[in-house]
């Protein structure tokens, strides 16, 4: 009888143990399912960094040393046909709202974004229990409460378009301004690490570095390997590109420090997006005509790097030539965080490209810049051709396949008449622009 009782108890304990193990496995499955549908999102914006200054892109004879970004490329996707606006405020407003500038009245640097616009942060929070933060450059209003009024839970950074100096600037934290002397790139990283450590639910962090925007300078020595450069203003003015690269390398090292602060689970469950807000400034640009860089509607002003890694990205060490617009980050982030939105306003999600080749549905890419209250210069492209309608109603047409630096305007009198293919492309692009 004692032996039978012991056997029964042993069997009961074994069944209970199996049941508990099955429950643990099921809980783990639920956790994995939850994580896959609610990944953290880290959006990193580099200020004034075009493809000519980015590793992994053919254009540009010189490149900064960026092991962190190169690692993201090796473990993710580099998008080779991404357009922004020619200057930062419209690009940032477009990411924030998913709208082109003519729909937000943010068409040039310094234009103010109306708080009635629905932000990506509010959209993300409607679909799930995300916490949101923006750390770094804002440049959509001088009002210290503006970021929070746009639905951002935590804002810490610099409101204007540029810093007085990277170790002498005003830090705004949730509406309060204080003087700051810490090196800005490092300070933003510290703030990001501290904020992420306090989160106990999914988070979306928009980290907007001022780097490598002017003033060009030599960063702290421990952040780069260009310590042989003289650190005086005359040397910087006479040869700014090495200092511009040193600033980029410092940003890359701080991005690395941020990612190293993640535990394994956080890193595996974080979608990381790196993007430039506009092209490289003329004083440090490569290959492009100096008048066709930052601030212009030409490729040198709007062709920017976009790299996506982590989270649901299954393609590794690949390039994707889909037409992507920075406004598409709105719908992409919304879909990635569990929203049913995959297309809204002018934003089209490219999340399908994370795992599928040539899956993006955008047929045309568009950019614009307002030169004053009434004059807007517009550009639109297909896979092969680009049409520009300047504010004075003059026009240009380029075959980007054959002429990526836009040296030959096919609408110049000495190039007319157009061949049948170029004529068809022009008609299609004009129709698409009219539809926009």
Foldseek 3Di string as FASTA:
>chain_A
DVVVVVVVVVVVVVVVVVVVVVVVVVVVVVVVVLLLQAFAEEEEEAEAAAPLADPPDPHHPDYFDFPLVVVLLQFAEKAQAEWAALHFQQRLVLQFQLAGCVVQVRFAFQAAGDLVGATLLNLLVVQHPEAEEEEEEDRRDPQLQSVVSNVHPWYWYADHLAAPAQQWGWIRINRDIDTGRPRRLLVSLVVLLVVVVPDPGHYYYYYYYSAPPDPQFADPCVQGPPVVQDGDPVSCVVQVQVSSSNRVSSNSVSVVVSLVSDDPVSQQSYKYKYKYNWAHQLSHGGDADNVCARPHPACNRIRMIIGIHHRLQPDGNYYAHDNHYSSQSSLQVSVSRNHPRQDDHNHHHPVVVSYDHPPGDDQKDKYWHAPDPQFMKIWMDGSFKIKIQGRVRDIFIDGCVVCVNRPDGCPPPVNDDDDPVSVVRVVVRVVVVVVD
